[in-house]
Amino acid sequence: MIQHSLSLFLFELESHCYSTAIITFVDSEGEVLIIDLTRKYHQVRYGYQVDVKKQFMLRLANGVKTNASLILRSFTDEIDQYTNLPIKELRGYVLQRYGDSLEFQKLSPSMMFACHNTDAQTGKPMSLEQSVRYC
């Protein structure tokens, strides 16, 4: 059952990797894992070494004891007219474990905006990052 849940989640992530993307995963213990994704035609490669995808799947399966979070930064071919930088799409997910099932909930664009632009310690707004689309 966990394998099916993981496959669905990886399909969701890979569907938003147009050329390159960065995954930032924070497990239930607060441990951080960052993985680069690269798309070549219909194939998405995880990291730069063999078996990174398998290691990531194990980390998801074992690291989500109750709740965890994941941020996906997807880089597009679009160029921001003001900064001349590539436009980055930002997505956030909350992961929850229920027995042998891993469920994910995508944050809304407005929630993602609020999370990304608010200081976690003070609650005050932070300066906006340029060339970001919240999805």
N, C-alpha and C. Protein backbone atom coordinates (compact mmCIF):
# COMPACT_ATOMS: atom_id res chain seq x y z
N MET A 1 0.82 -1.20 0.00
CA MET A 1 0.00 0.00 0.00
C MET A 1 0.87 1.26 0.00
N ILE A 2 1.95 1.27 0.79
CA ILE A 2 2.82 2.45 0.84
C ILE A 2 3.47 2.68 -0.52
N GLN A 3 3.78 1.60 -1.22
CA GLN A 3 4.40 1.72 -2.55
C GLN A 3 3.47 2.46 -3.51
N HIS A 4 2.20 2.14 -3.47
CA HIS A 4 1.22 2.80 -4.33
C HIS A 4 1.12 4.29 -3.98
N SER A 5 1.07 4.60 -2.67
CA SER A 5 1.00 5.99 -2.22
C SER A 5 2.23 6.77 -2.67
N LEU A 6 3.41 6.16 -2.53
CA LEU A 6 4.64 6.81 -2.96
C LEU A 6 4.64 7.06 -4.46
N SER A 7 4.19 6.09 -5.22
CA SER A 7 4.15 6.24 -6.68
C SER A 7 3.25 7.40 -7.10
N LEU A 8 2.10 7.52 -6.45
CA LEU A 8 1.19 8.63 -6.76
C LEU A 8 1.83 9.97 -6.45
N PHE A 9 2.53 10.05 -5.32
CA PHE A 9 3.17 11.30 -4.93
C PHE A 9 4.32 11.64 -5.88
N LEU A 10 5.13 10.66 -6.24
CA LEU A 10 6.23 10.91 -7.17
C LEU A 10 5.70 11.34 -8.54
N PHE A 11 4.60 10.76 -8.96
CA PHE A 11 3.97 11.16 -10.23
C PHE A 11 3.56 12.64 -10.16
N GLU A 12 2.99 13.04 -9.03
CA GLU A 12 2.61 14.44 -8.83
C GLU A 12 3.83 15.35 -8.93
N LEU A 13 4.91 15.00 -8.25
CA LEU A 13 6.12 15.83 -8.28
C LEU A 13 6.70 15.89 -9.68
N GLU A 14 6.84 14.75 -10.32
CA GLU A 14 7.45 14.69 -11.65
C GLU A 14 6.63 15.43 -12.70
N SER A 15 5.32 15.50 -12.50
CA SER A 15 4.48 16.20 -13.48
C SER A 15 4.77 17.70 -13.50
N HIS A 16 5.42 18.20 -12.45
CA HIS A 16 5.75 19.63 -12.37
C HIS A 16 7.24 19.90 -12.58
N CYS A 17 7.97 18.91 -13.02
CA CYS A 17 9.39 19.10 -13.36
C CYS A 17 9.46 19.25 -14.87
N TYR A 18 9.57 20.48 -15.34
CA TYR A 18 9.57 20.75 -16.78
C TYR A 18 10.95 20.55 -17.39
N SER A 19 11.97 21.00 -16.68
CA SER A 19 13.36 20.80 -17.11
C SER A 19 14.21 20.48 -15.88
N THR A 20 14.18 21.38 -14.89
CA THR A 20 14.86 21.13 -13.62
C THR A 20 13.95 21.57 -12.47
N ALA A 21 14.18 20.95 -11.33
CA ALA A 21 13.42 21.29 -10.13
C ALA A 21 14.27 20.93 -8.91
N ILE A 22 13.87 21.45 -7.77
CA ILE A 22 14.54 21.14 -6.51
C ILE A 22 13.48 20.74 -5.49
N ILE A 23 13.71 19.58 -4.86
CA ILE A 23 12.85 19.09 -3.78
C ILE A 23 13.53 19.40 -2.46
N THR A 24 12.78 19.98 -1.53
CA THR A 24 13.24 20.13 -0.15
C THR A 24 12.24 19.41 0.73
N PHE A 25 12.68 18.31 1.34
CA PHE A 25 11.83 17.46 2.17
C PHE A 25 12.26 17.60 3.63
N VAL A 26 11.30 17.85 4.51
CA VAL A 26 11.56 17.91 5.95
C VAL A 26 10.73 16.81 6.60
N ASP A 27 11.42 15.81 7.19
CA ASP A 27 10.70 14.67 7.76
C ASP A 27 10.11 15.01 9.13
N SER A 28 9.48 14.02 9.74
CA SER A 28 8.80 14.22 11.03
C SER A 28 9.74 14.61 12.16
N GLU A 29 11.02 14.31 12.00
CA GLU A 29 12.02 14.64 13.02
C GLU A 29 12.70 15.99 12.74
N GLY A 30 12.34 16.64 11.64
CA GLY A 30 12.94 17.92 11.29
C GLY A 30 14.20 17.79 10.44
N GLU A 31 14.54 16.57 10.03
CA GLU A 31 15.72 16.36 9.17
C GLU A 31 15.39 16.79 7.74
N VAL A 32 16.33 17.49 7.11
CA VAL A 32 16.12 18.04 5.77
C VAL A 32 16.87 17.22 4.73
N LEU A 33 16.21 16.99 3.60
CA LEU A 33 16.82 16.33 2.45
C LEU A 33 16.52 17.18 1.22
N ILE A 34 17.55 17.51 0.45
CA ILE A 34 17.38 18.31 -0.76
C ILE A 34 17.85 17.47 -1.95
N ILE A 35 17.01 17.40 -2.98
CA ILE A 35 17.32 16.60 -4.17
C ILE A 35 17.02 17.43 -5.41
N ASP A 36 17.96 17.43 -6.34
CA ASP A 36 17.73 18.06 -7.64
C ASP A 36 17.04 17.07 -8.57
N LEU A 37 16.09 17.57 -9.36
CA LEU A 37 15.43 16.77 -10.39
C LEU A 37 15.80 17.34 -11.75
N THR A 38 15.98 16.45 -12.71
CA THR A 38 16.27 16.86 -14.08
C THR A 38 15.43 16.02 -15.03
N ARG A 39 14.70 16.70 -15.91
CA ARG A 39 13.90 15.98 -16.90
C ARG A 39 14.66 15.90 -18.21
N LYS A 40 14.67 14.70 -18.77
CA LYS A 40 15.20 14.48 -20.11
C LYS A 40 14.13 13.68 -20.86
N TYR A 41 13.44 14.37 -21.74
CA TYR A 41 12.29 13.80 -22.46
C TYR A 41 11.22 13.39 -21.46
N HIS A 42 10.88 12.12 -21.40
CA HIS A 42 9.81 11.67 -20.50
C HIS A 42 10.35 11.11 -19.19
N GLN A 43 11.64 11.18 -18.98
CA GLN A 43 12.27 10.60 -17.80
C GLN A 43 12.74 11.69 -16.84
N VAL A 44 12.48 11.50 -15.56
CA VAL A 44 12.96 12.44 -14.55
C VAL A 44 14.04 11.74 -13.73
N ARG A 45 15.18 12.37 -13.65
CA ARG A 45 16.31 11.83 -12.89
C ARG A 45 16.37 12.52 -11.53
N TYR A 46 16.57 11.73 -10.49
CA TYR A 46 16.68 12.22 -9.12
C TYR A 46 18.15 12.26 -8.74
N GLY A 47 18.65 13.46 -8.45
CA GLY A 47 20.03 13.61 -8.02
C GLY A 47 21.02 13.32 -9.14
N TYR A 48 22.24 13.05 -8.74
CA TYR A 48 23.32 12.88 -9.72
C TYR A 48 24.02 11.54 -9.59
N GLN A 49 23.56 10.70 -8.67
CA GLN A 49 24.15 9.38 -8.49
C GLN A 49 23.08 8.31 -8.65
N VAL A 50 23.53 7.09 -8.77
CA VAL A 50 22.63 5.94 -8.94
C VAL A 50 21.78 5.76 -7.68
N ASP A 51 20.55 5.38 -7.88
CA ASP A 51 19.62 5.00 -6.81
C ASP A 51 19.15 6.14 -5.90
N VAL A 52 19.32 7.39 -6.29
CA VAL A 52 18.84 8.49 -5.45
C VAL A 52 17.32 8.43 -5.33
N LYS A 53 16.64 8.06 -6.42
CA LYS A 53 15.18 7.96 -6.36
C LYS A 53 14.75 6.90 -5.33
N LYS A 54 15.42 5.76 -5.32
CA LYS A 54 15.10 4.71 -4.34
C LYS A 54 15.37 5.19 -2.92
N GLN A 55 16.48 5.89 -2.74
CA GLN A 55 16.81 6.43 -1.42
C GLN A 55 15.76 7.45 -0.97
N PHE A 56 15.30 8.27 -1.91
CA PHE A 56 14.27 9.26 -1.60
C PHE A 56 12.97 8.57 -1.20
N MET A 57 12.60 7.52 -1.93
CA MET A 57 11.37 6.78 -1.61
C MET A 57 11.47 6.16 -0.22
N LEU A 58 12.63 5.62 0.12
CA LEU A 58 12.83 5.06 1.46
C LEU A 58 12.73 6.15 2.52
N ARG A 59 13.31 7.29 2.23
CA ARG A 59 13.27 8.41 3.17
C ARG A 59 11.84 8.88 3.38
N LEU A 60 11.05 8.92 2.31
CA LEU A 60 9.63 9.28 2.44
C LEU A 60 8.89 8.23 3.27
N ALA A 61 9.12 6.97 2.95
CA ALA A 61 8.42 5.88 3.64
C ALA A 61 8.76 5.84 5.13
N ASN A 62 10.02 6.09 5.46
CA ASN A 62 10.45 5.98 6.85
C ASN A 62 10.45 7.32 7.60
N GLY A 63 10.51 8.42 6.85
CA GLY A 63 10.63 9.73 7.48
C GLY A 63 9.31 10.39 7.82
N VAL A 64 8.23 9.89 7.23
CA VAL A 64 6.91 10.46 7.55
C VAL A 64 6.27 9.55 8.61
N LYS A 65 6.55 9.86 9.87
CA LYS A 65 5.98 9.07 10.96
C LYS A 65 4.58 9.58 11.30
N THR A 66 4.42 10.88 11.28
CA THR A 66 3.11 11.52 11.48
C THR A 66 2.90 12.53 10.37
N ASN A 67 3.60 13.67 10.47
CA ASN A 67 3.51 14.74 9.47
C ASN A 67 4.90 15.08 8.96
N ALA A 68 4.95 15.54 7.74
CA ALA A 68 6.19 16.03 7.14
C ALA A 68 5.79 17.06 6.09
N SER A 69 6.79 17.73 5.52
CA SER A 69 6.48 18.72 4.48
C SER A 69 7.48 18.62 3.35
N LEU A 70 7.06 19.12 2.21
CA LEU A 70 7.92 19.10 1.03
C LEU A 70 7.63 20.34 0.21
N ILE A 71 8.70 20.98 -0.27
CA ILE A 71 8.59 22.13 -1.17
C ILE A 71 9.20 21.71 -2.50
N LEU A 72 8.50 22.00 -3.57
CA LEU A 72 8.99 21.73 -4.93
C LEU A 72 9.18 23.06 -5.65
N ARG A 73 10.42 23.31 -6.07
CA ARG A 73 10.73 24.50 -6.86
C ARG A 73 10.97 24.04 -8.29
N SER A 74 10.09 24.41 -9.19
CA SER A 74 10.20 24.01 -10.60
C SER A 74 10.61 25.21 -11.43
N PHE A 75 11.63 25.03 -12.24
CA PHE A 75 12.13 26.12 -13.07
C PHE A 75 11.51 26.02 -14.46
N THR A 76 11.01 27.14 -14.95
CA THR A 76 10.35 27.18 -16.25
C THR A 76 11.27 27.82 -17.28
N ASP A 77 10.84 27.77 -18.53
CA ASP A 77 11.58 28.42 -19.61
C ASP A 77 11.19 29.89 -19.75
N GLU A 78 10.18 30.31 -18.98
CA GLU A 78 9.72 31.69 -19.05
C GLU A 78 10.71 32.62 -18.34
N ILE A 79 10.87 33.80 -18.88
CA ILE A 79 11.78 34.78 -18.30
C ILE A 79 10.96 35.94 -17.74
N ASP A 80 11.24 36.33 -16.50
CA ASP A 80 10.57 37.45 -15.87
C ASP A 80 11.02 38.74 -16.58
N GLN A 81 10.07 39.52 -17.04
CA GLN A 81 10.40 40.73 -17.81
C GLN A 81 11.09 41.80 -16.97
N TYR A 82 10.95 41.76 -15.66
CA TYR A 82 11.56 42.77 -14.80
C TYR A 82 12.95 42.39 -14.31
N THR A 83 13.16 41.08 -14.09
CA THR A 83 14.45 40.64 -13.52
C THR A 83 15.33 39.93 -14.54
N ASN A 84 14.74 39.52 -15.66
CA ASN A 84 15.43 38.70 -16.66
C ASN A 84 15.89 37.36 -16.09
N LEU A 85 15.24 36.90 -15.03
CA LEU A 85 15.52 35.60 -14.44
C LEU A 85 14.44 34.61 -14.86
N PRO A 86 14.77 33.32 -14.88
CA PRO A 86 13.73 32.33 -15.16
C PRO A 86 12.66 32.37 -14.07
N ILE A 87 11.42 32.17 -14.47
CA ILE A 87 10.33 32.14 -13.49
C ILE A 87 10.33 30.76 -12.84
N LYS A 88 10.24 30.79 -11.51
CA LYS A 88 10.24 29.57 -10.71
C LYS A 88 8.83 29.36 -10.16
N GLU A 89 8.32 28.15 -10.29
CA GLU A 89 7.04 27.79 -9.70
C GLU A 89 7.30 27.14 -8.35
N LEU A 90 6.53 27.54 -7.36
CA LEU A 90 6.71 27.05 -6.00
C LEU A 90 5.46 26.33 -5.54
N ARG A 91 5.62 25.08 -5.10
CA ARG A 91 4.51 24.27 -4.60
C ARG A 91 4.89 23.70 -3.24
N GLY A 92 3.91 23.60 -2.36
CA GLY A 92 4.15 23.02 -1.04
C GLY A 92 3.18 21.89 -0.78
N TYR A 93 3.65 20.90 -0.03
CA TYR A 93 2.84 19.72 0.29
C TYR A 93 3.00 19.38 1.77
N VAL A 94 1.90 18.96 2.37
CA VAL A 94 1.93 18.39 3.71
C VAL A 94 1.71 16.90 3.53
N LEU A 95 2.60 16.11 4.12
CA LEU A 95 2.52 14.65 4.02
C LEU A 95 2.09 14.09 5.37
N GLN A 96 1.19 13.11 5.33
CA GLN A 96 0.73 12.48 6.56
C GLN A 96 0.74 10.97 6.38
N ARG A 97 1.07 10.29 7.47
CA ARG A 97 1.14 8.84 7.45
C ARG A 97 -0.05 8.28 8.21
N TYR A 98 -0.76 7.35 7.57
CA TYR A 98 -1.86 6.64 8.20
C TYR A 98 -1.62 5.15 7.98
N GLY A 99 -0.99 4.50 8.95
CA GLY A 99 -0.68 3.08 8.82
C GLY A 99 0.26 2.84 7.64
N ASP A 100 -0.20 2.08 6.67
CA ASP A 100 0.60 1.79 5.48
C ASP A 100 0.30 2.74 4.33
N SER A 101 -0.34 3.83 4.62
CA SER A 101 -0.71 4.78 3.58
C SER A 101 -0.03 6.12 3.82
N LEU A 102 0.49 6.69 2.75
CA LEU A 102 1.08 8.03 2.79
C LEU A 102 0.17 8.94 1.99
N GLU A 103 -0.36 9.95 2.64
CA GLU A 103 -1.26 10.88 1.95
C GLU A 103 -0.60 12.24 1.87
N PHE A 104 -0.88 12.95 0.77
CA PHE A 104 -0.33 14.28 0.61
C PHE A 104 -1.43 15.26 0.28
N GLN A 105 -1.25 16.46 0.79
CA GLN A 105 -2.18 17.55 0.51
C GLN A 105 -1.37 18.72 -0.01
N LYS A 106 -1.74 19.20 -1.17
CA LYS A 106 -1.05 20.34 -1.77
C LYS A 106 -1.57 21.62 -1.13
N LEU A 107 -0.66 22.50 -0.75
CA LEU A 107 -1.05 23.79 -0.21
C LEU A 107 -1.61 24.66 -1.34
N SER A 108 -2.56 25.49 -1.02
CA SER A 108 -3.12 26.41 -2.01
C SER A 108 -2.06 27.46 -2.36
N PRO A 109 -2.18 28.10 -3.53
CA PRO A 109 -1.23 29.16 -3.88
C PRO A 109 -1.16 30.28 -2.83
N SER A 110 -2.31 30.67 -2.28
CA SER A 110 -2.30 31.75 -1.27
C SER A 110 -1.61 31.29 0.02
N MET A 111 -1.80 30.05 0.40
CA MET A 111 -1.13 29.52 1.59
C MET A 111 0.38 29.41 1.35
N MET A 112 0.75 28.98 0.16
CA MET A 112 2.17 28.88 -0.18
C MET A 112 2.82 30.26 -0.16
N PHE A 113 2.12 31.25 -0.69
CA PHE A 113 2.62 32.63 -0.67
C PHE A 113 2.84 33.09 0.78
N ALA A 114 1.85 32.85 1.63
CA ALA A 114 1.94 33.27 3.03
C ALA A 114 3.09 32.56 3.74
N CYS A 115 3.23 31.27 3.52
CA CYS A 115 4.32 30.51 4.17
C CYS A 115 5.70 30.99 3.70
N HIS A 116 5.81 31.27 2.44
CA HIS A 116 7.11 31.63 1.85
C HIS A 116 7.53 33.06 2.18
N ASN A 117 6.56 33.91 2.49
CA ASN A 117 6.87 35.33 2.68
C ASN A 117 6.60 35.84 4.09
N THR A 118 6.56 34.93 5.05
CA THR A 118 6.34 35.31 6.44
C THR A 118 7.47 34.75 7.29
N ASP A 119 8.05 35.59 8.12
CA ASP A 119 9.10 35.14 9.04
C ASP A 119 8.47 34.20 10.07
N ALA A 120 8.97 32.99 10.15
CA ALA A 120 8.40 31.97 11.04
C ALA A 120 8.53 32.34 12.52
N GLN A 121 9.56 33.06 12.87
CA GLN A 121 9.77 33.41 14.28
C GLN A 121 8.98 34.63 14.71
N THR A 122 8.90 35.63 13.84
CA THR A 122 8.24 36.88 14.23
C THR A 122 6.83 37.02 13.69
N GLY A 123 6.52 36.29 12.61
CA GLY A 123 5.21 36.44 11.98
C GLY A 123 5.11 37.66 11.08
N LYS A 124 6.21 38.38 10.94
CA LYS A 124 6.21 39.59 10.12
C LYS A 124 6.48 39.25 8.66
N PRO A 125 5.93 40.06 7.76
CA PRO A 125 6.18 39.84 6.32
C PRO A 125 7.66 40.00 5.99
N MET A 126 8.11 39.19 5.05
CA MET A 126 9.49 39.29 4.56
C MET A 126 9.46 39.91 3.17
N SER A 127 10.60 40.37 2.70
CA SER A 127 10.64 40.93 1.35
C SER A 127 10.37 39.81 0.34
N LEU A 128 9.65 40.16 -0.71
CA LEU A 128 9.23 39.18 -1.70
C LEU A 128 10.39 38.73 -2.57
N GLU A 129 10.42 37.44 -2.87
CA GLU A 129 11.39 36.90 -3.79
C GLU A 129 10.92 37.20 -5.22
N GLN A 130 11.82 37.59 -6.05
CA GLN A 130 11.48 37.93 -7.44
C GLN A 130 11.30 36.67 -8.29
N SER A 131 10.54 36.79 -9.34
CA SER A 131 10.39 35.76 -10.38
C SER A 131 9.82 34.45 -9.85
N VAL A 132 8.86 34.53 -8.94
CA VAL A 132 8.24 33.34 -8.35
C VAL A 132 6.75 33.33 -8.67
N ARG A 133 6.28 32.17 -9.08
CA ARG A 133 4.84 31.94 -9.28
C ARG A 133 4.42 30.90 -8.23
N TYR A 134 3.44 31.24 -7.41
CA TYR A 134 2.94 30.33 -6.38
C TYR A 134 1.81 29.50 -6.98
N CYS A 135 1.99 28.19 -6.91
CA CYS A 135 1.03 27.28 -7.55
C CYS A 135 0.34 26.39 -6.52
